[in-house]
Amino acid sequence: MEEGFDLTTPLSFSIGAGASKALQLDEARTAAAVEICGDVIPLLVVRTTPISQWKGLNSSQTALSSMHGVLLASRGVTGPKYVIEGTNGLAHALGKSIEIEWKNVKLDCFDRLALKTYNTAIPAQSGVFCTIALHKVHPFNPADIVSVEAEVFQDAYDFTGGGRFGPKHDVHTKEDADHSLPYLMAVALLDGDVQPAQLEPSRIEKRDVQDLMQKVTVRPDASLTARYPADLASRVTVRLKSGTSFTQKISDFPGAPARPFTSGRRSTRNSTRWSRRA
């Protein structure tokens, strides 16, 4: 991502390899499939404000193009042999070598998966959860809010707080809303949740959330960033007209690797519900 490629880039290679294995292609055709798929690389601009509907579709397009490449390879079409390490390949484009210590690779990715509790990107989950937790402990009237301050780790700020990917206070579409921490926190305070209903155009345009969103400030915190990604922490402070202020801090959210859903009745329901959106 630091080089301008989207986080869905690895799909190009993994789909090429996985589909080839599923189709039981031989070594030469599997290599050709990965080589062809390696030329399907999405750009990070897809996540820049204003966010288009294409953001939610680009990974599907990558999958479609990759499957097409695998089927071509299965019929004998060859691919660019040095797509990764050769001249003008991926490593050349990145300006760095790509080396994998295969003997040290562990199949432990499932221990690092996160399930979404709320209808937003993973980096914003803890900020939303922290906001809702604060309001449950201190059930004040959102109309009395003077300001809301969120301190988050750097990725959360860049993706949803107004950092690297652009400002987040001019929100009028679902695509911008689900990647705007100011909107998400405002609607969470008003509705107590962030699900599809909170991302409907009619909800986004209501005066209450549009006004409250302008009172939300998001900034990165070095101490929280230092703990990321082991912890997905957030700190939220709400100040009221009366002069009272409340602060809540959390280290993770339900569904995070450090706080996985359990087999209890309530958690099982949540795990089933949110895993479909992970």
Protein backbone atom coordinates (compact mmCIF):
# COMPACT_ATOMS: atom_id res chain seq x y z
CA MET A 1 0.00 0.00 0.00
CA GLU A 2 2.90 2.37 0.68
CA GLU A 3 3.77 2.05 -3.01
CA GLY A 4 0.26 2.90 -4.26
CA PHE A 5 -1.16 -0.58 -4.80
CA ASP A 6 -4.51 -1.54 -3.26
CA LEU A 7 -4.73 -4.00 -0.38
CA THR A 8 -6.59 -6.40 -2.71
CA THR A 9 -3.42 -6.88 -4.80
CA PRO A 10 -2.53 -10.27 -3.20
CA LEU A 11 -5.82 -11.65 -4.55
CA SER A 12 -4.31 -11.64 -8.03
CA PHE A 13 -1.66 -14.15 -7.03
CA SER A 14 -3.62 -16.17 -4.46
CA ILE A 15 -6.62 -16.73 -6.74
CA GLY A 16 -4.30 -17.72 -9.56
CA ALA A 17 -2.56 -20.27 -7.35
CA GLY A 18 -5.67 -21.55 -5.57
CA ALA A 19 -7.82 -21.92 -8.67
CA SER A 20 -4.97 -23.70 -10.47
CA LYS A 21 -4.71 -26.19 -7.63
CA ALA A 22 -8.49 -26.71 -7.61
CA LEU A 23 -8.40 -27.38 -11.37
CA GLN A 24 -5.40 -29.70 -10.89
CA LEU A 25 -3.29 -27.88 -13.46
CA ASP A 26 0.27 -29.08 -13.96
CA GLU A 27 3.28 -27.05 -12.86
CA ALA A 28 3.78 -25.23 -16.16
CA ARG A 29 0.14 -24.17 -16.49
CA THR A 30 -0.10 -23.22 -12.82
CA ALA A 31 2.95 -21.00 -13.24
CA ALA A 32 1.40 -19.44 -16.35
CA ALA A 33 -1.85 -18.80 -14.45
CA VAL A 34 -0.04 -17.01 -11.60
CA GLU A 35 1.98 -15.04 -14.15
CA ILE A 36 -1.14 -13.91 -16.00
CA CYS A 37 -2.99 -13.08 -12.78
CA GLY A 38 0.03 -11.16 -11.53
CA ASP A 39 -0.65 -8.61 -14.25
CA VAL A 40 -4.04 -7.82 -12.64
CA ILE A 41 -3.10 -5.29 -9.96
CA PRO A 42 -5.57 -2.68 -8.57
CA LEU A 43 -4.43 0.81 -7.56
CA LEU A 44 -4.86 2.32 -4.10
CA VAL A 45 -6.59 5.40 -5.56
CA VAL A 46 -9.85 3.44 -5.25
CA ARG A 47 -9.90 4.33 -1.51
CA THR A 48 -9.35 8.06 -1.94
CA THR A 49 -12.15 10.52 -1.07
CA PRO A 50 -14.64 10.79 -2.66
CA ILE A 51 -15.05 7.03 -2.58
CA SER A 52 -16.91 5.61 -5.57
CA GLN A 53 -19.09 2.52 -5.77
CA TRP A 54 -16.21 0.90 -7.65
CA LYS A 55 -14.32 0.53 -4.33
CA GLY A 56 -16.71 -2.23 -3.30
CA LEU A 57 -16.44 -3.97 -6.66
CA ASN A 58 -12.75 -3.82 -7.53
CA SER A 59 -11.86 -6.99 -5.61
CA SER A 60 -14.64 -8.85 -7.44
CA GLN A 61 -13.29 -7.57 -10.74
CA THR A 62 -9.83 -8.76 -9.71
CA ALA A 63 -11.30 -12.19 -8.98
CA LEU A 64 -13.14 -12.24 -12.31
CA SER A 65 -10.02 -11.26 -14.25
CA SER A 66 -7.90 -13.76 -12.33
CA MET A 67 -10.30 -16.63 -12.98
CA HIS A 68 -10.30 -15.69 -16.66
CA GLY A 69 -6.49 -15.81 -16.58
CA VAL A 70 -6.49 -19.25 -14.96
CA LEU A 71 -8.88 -20.61 -17.58
CA LEU A 72 -6.70 -19.19 -20.35
CA ALA A 73 -3.63 -20.81 -18.79
CA SER A 74 -5.47 -24.12 -18.47
CA ARG A 75 -5.84 -24.04 -22.25
CA GLY A 76 -2.19 -23.39 -22.88
CA VAL A 77 -1.89 -19.59 -22.88
CA THR A 78 1.49 -18.58 -21.42
CA GLY A 79 2.13 -15.67 -19.06
CA PRO A 80 4.95 -13.17 -18.41
CA LYS A 81 7.51 -15.48 -16.80
CA TYR A 82 9.17 -12.87 -14.58
CA VAL A 83 6.06 -10.99 -13.46
CA ILE A 84 7.31 -10.91 -9.86
CA GLU A 85 11.10 -10.77 -9.82
CA GLY A 86 12.09 -9.81 -13.35
CA THR A 87 12.79 -6.52 -15.10
CA ASN A 88 9.60 -4.42 -15.12
CA GLY A 89 7.92 -6.97 -12.85
CA LEU A 90 6.33 -6.33 -9.46
CA ALA A 91 9.63 -6.20 -7.57
CA HIS A 92 10.99 -3.69 -10.08
CA ALA A 93 7.85 -1.55 -9.76
CA LEU A 94 8.17 -1.58 -5.97
CA GLY A 95 11.89 -0.92 -6.03
CA LYS A 96 12.55 -3.78 -3.62
CA SER A 97 13.14 -7.50 -3.74
CA ILE A 98 10.35 -9.90 -2.90
CA GLU A 99 11.68 -12.83 -0.93
CA ILE A 100 9.61 -15.36 1.01
CA GLU A 101 11.13 -17.80 3.49
CA TRP A 102 8.80 -20.63 2.61
CA LYS A 103 10.18 -22.92 5.32
CA ASN A 104 9.13 -20.37 7.94
CA VAL A 105 5.65 -19.73 6.56
CA LYS A 106 2.92 -20.91 8.94
CA LEU A 107 -0.73 -21.51 8.19
CA ASP A 108 -1.76 -19.31 11.12
CA CYS A 109 -3.64 -16.58 9.29
CA PHE A 110 -6.93 -17.63 10.89
CA ASP A 111 -5.55 -16.58 14.26
CA ARG A 112 -5.18 -13.05 12.86
CA LEU A 113 -8.57 -12.68 11.19
CA ALA A 114 -11.06 -10.05 12.31
CA LEU A 115 -14.83 -10.27 11.95
CA LYS A 116 -16.78 -7.06 11.53
CA THR A 117 -19.16 -6.17 14.33
CA TYR A 118 -20.28 -2.99 12.55
CA ASN A 119 -20.97 -2.11 8.93
CA THR A 120 -17.66 -0.35 8.25
CA ALA A 121 -14.00 -1.03 7.50
CA ILE A 122 -11.91 -2.94 10.04
CA PRO A 123 -9.80 0.12 11.04
CA ALA A 124 -12.98 1.94 12.15
CA GLN A 125 -14.46 -0.91 14.19
CA SER A 126 -12.77 0.01 17.48
CA GLY A 127 -13.68 3.69 17.18
CA VAL A 128 -17.35 2.82 16.70
CA PHE A 129 -17.31 0.26 19.50
CA CYS A 130 -15.59 2.71 21.87
CA THR A 131 -18.19 5.39 21.07
CA ILE A 132 -21.12 3.05 21.73
CA ALA A 133 -19.50 1.74 24.93
CA LEU A 134 -19.03 5.29 26.20
CA HIS A 135 -22.66 6.19 25.52
CA LYS A 136 -23.90 3.07 27.30
CA VAL A 137 -21.96 3.97 30.43
CA HIS A 138 -22.96 7.64 30.19
CA PRO A 139 -26.43 7.87 28.54
CA PHE A 140 -26.43 11.62 27.79
CA ASN A 141 -28.55 13.38 25.17
CA PRO A 142 -26.57 13.68 21.90
CA ALA A 143 -28.17 17.12 21.42
CA ASP A 144 -26.05 18.34 24.37
CA ILE A 145 -22.74 17.47 22.71
CA VAL A 146 -20.26 20.27 22.13
CA SER A 147 -17.43 18.13 20.74
CA VAL A 148 -16.33 14.56 20.19
CA GLU A 149 -12.63 13.72 20.03
CA ALA A 150 -11.33 10.37 18.82
CA GLU A 151 -7.73 9.23 19.19
CA VAL A 152 -6.93 6.23 17.00
CA PHE A 153 -4.03 4.27 15.52
CA GLN A 154 -2.51 5.63 12.30
CA ASP A 155 -4.24 3.23 9.87
CA ALA A 156 -7.64 4.10 11.32
CA TYR A 157 -6.86 7.79 10.87
CA ASP A 158 -5.61 7.33 7.32
CA PHE A 159 -8.49 5.13 6.18
CA THR A 160 -11.41 6.74 7.99
CA GLY A 161 -10.31 9.77 10.00
CA GLY A 162 -9.19 12.30 7.41
CA GLY A 163 -5.57 11.27 6.92
CA ARG A 164 -3.92 9.81 3.85
CA PHE A 165 -7.12 9.08 1.96
CA GLY A 166 -8.67 12.50 2.22
CA PRO A 167 -11.18 14.49 4.33
CA LYS A 168 -14.12 12.69 5.95
CA HIS A 169 -16.65 15.35 6.95
CA ASP A 170 -18.45 15.82 3.61
CA VAL A 171 -20.53 12.65 3.58
CA HIS A 172 -23.55 12.03 1.34
CA THR A 173 -23.15 8.48 -0.01
CA LYS A 174 -22.94 5.03 1.52
CA GLU A 175 -19.41 4.62 0.16
CA ASP A 176 -18.16 7.76 1.92
CA ALA A 177 -20.23 7.11 5.06
CA ASP A 178 -18.86 3.65 5.83
CA HIS A 179 -15.29 5.01 5.56
CA SER A 180 -15.89 8.20 7.59
CA LEU A 181 -15.20 7.85 11.30
CA PRO A 182 -16.80 11.26 12.01
CA TYR A 183 -20.05 10.08 10.42
CA LEU A 184 -19.87 6.60 11.97
CA MET A 185 -19.31 7.94 15.48
CA ALA A 186 -22.06 10.52 15.09
CA VAL A 187 -24.63 8.02 13.89
CA ALA A 188 -23.51 5.54 16.57
CA LEU A 189 -24.22 8.14 19.26
CA LEU A 190 -27.64 8.87 17.77
CA ASP A 191 -28.76 5.34 16.85
CA GLY A 192 -26.65 3.13 19.12
CA ASP A 193 -25.45 0.98 16.24
CA VAL A 194 -23.91 1.01 12.76
CA GLN A 195 -25.60 -1.45 10.45
CA PRO A 196 -27.04 -1.19 6.90
CA ALA A 197 -29.87 1.03 8.16
CA GLN A 198 -27.34 3.64 9.27
CA LEU A 199 -25.87 3.75 5.75
CA GLU A 200 -29.11 4.35 3.88
CA PRO A 201 -29.10 7.65 1.93
CA SER A 202 -32.17 8.84 3.86
CA ARG A 203 -30.33 8.33 7.17
CA ILE A 204 -27.09 9.89 5.98
CA GLU A 205 -28.81 13.11 4.90
CA LYS A 206 -30.72 13.72 8.14
CA ARG A 207 -29.88 16.99 9.83
CA ASP A 208 -29.10 15.44 13.23
CA VAL A 209 -26.24 13.28 12.00
CA GLN A 210 -24.95 15.83 9.49
CA ASP A 211 -24.69 18.44 12.28
CA LEU A 212 -23.20 16.11 14.89
CA MET A 213 -20.62 14.81 12.43
CA GLN A 214 -19.12 18.30 12.17
CA LYS A 215 -18.39 18.22 15.92
CA VAL A 216 -16.23 15.10 15.63
CA THR A 217 -12.44 15.41 15.47
CA VAL A 218 -10.19 12.45 14.73
CA ARG A 219 -6.43 12.39 15.22
CA PRO A 220 -3.74 9.70 15.30
CA ASP A 221 -2.11 8.78 18.60
CA ALA A 222 1.49 7.52 18.64
CA SER A 223 0.98 5.28 21.67
CA LEU A 224 -2.04 3.56 20.11
CA THR A 225 -0.21 3.20 16.78
CA ALA A 226 2.72 1.53 18.56
CA ARG A 227 0.38 -1.19 19.84
CA TYR A 228 -1.14 -1.84 16.40
CA PRO A 229 -1.88 -4.43 14.99
CA ALA A 230 -1.69 -6.52 18.17
CA ASP A 231 -4.27 -4.13 19.66
CA LEU A 232 -6.85 -2.14 17.72
CA ALA A 233 -7.28 0.51 20.37
CA SER A 234 -9.24 3.76 20.45
CA ARG A 235 -9.89 6.57 22.92
CA VAL A 236 -13.03 8.74 22.69
CA THR A 237 -13.83 11.89 24.64
CA VAL A 238 -17.24 13.62 24.57
CA ARG A 239 -17.73 17.14 25.93
CA LEU A 240 -21.21 18.42 26.80
CA LYS A 241 -22.73 21.91 27.03
CA SER A 242 -22.81 21.58 30.82
CA GLY A 243 -19.01 21.40 30.88
CA THR A 244 -19.06 17.70 31.72
CA SER A 245 -16.78 15.42 29.73
CA PHE A 246 -16.57 11.64 29.44
CA THR A 247 -13.68 9.52 28.15
CA GLN A 248 -13.70 5.88 27.15
CA LYS A 249 -10.75 3.77 26.02
CA ILE A 250 -10.83 0.26 24.57
CA SER A 251 -8.03 -2.01 23.35
CA ASP A 252 -10.06 -3.99 20.81
CA PHE A 253 -13.61 -4.76 19.66
CA PRO A 254 -15.76 -7.92 19.59
CA GLY A 255 -14.51 -9.95 16.63
CA ALA A 256 -10.92 -8.65 16.79
CA PRO A 257 -8.13 -11.27 16.93
CA ALA A 258 -7.51 -10.46 20.62
CA ARG A 259 -11.23 -10.57 21.39
CA PRO A 260 -12.77 -13.34 19.28
CA PHE A 261 -16.41 -14.29 19.43
CA THR A 262 -17.09 -17.15 21.84
CA SER A 263 -19.51 -20.07 21.73
CA GLY A 264 -22.01 -18.40 24.09
CA ARG A 265 -25.54 -17.91 22.78
CA ARG A 266 -25.24 -14.15 22.24
CA SER A 267 -21.75 -14.32 20.76
CA THR A 268 -22.67 -17.23 18.49
CA ARG A 269 -25.52 -15.16 17.05
CA ASN A 270 -23.16 -12.23 16.47
CA SER A 271 -20.45 -14.44 14.99
CA THR A 272 -22.87 -15.90 12.46
CA ARG A 273 -24.36 -12.52 11.66
CA TRP A 274 -21.11 -10.65 11.14
CA SER A 275 -18.99 -13.40 9.60
CA ARG A 276 -21.01 -13.01 6.41
CA ARG A 277 -19.75 -9.43 6.20
CA ALA A 278 -16.13 -10.08 7.16
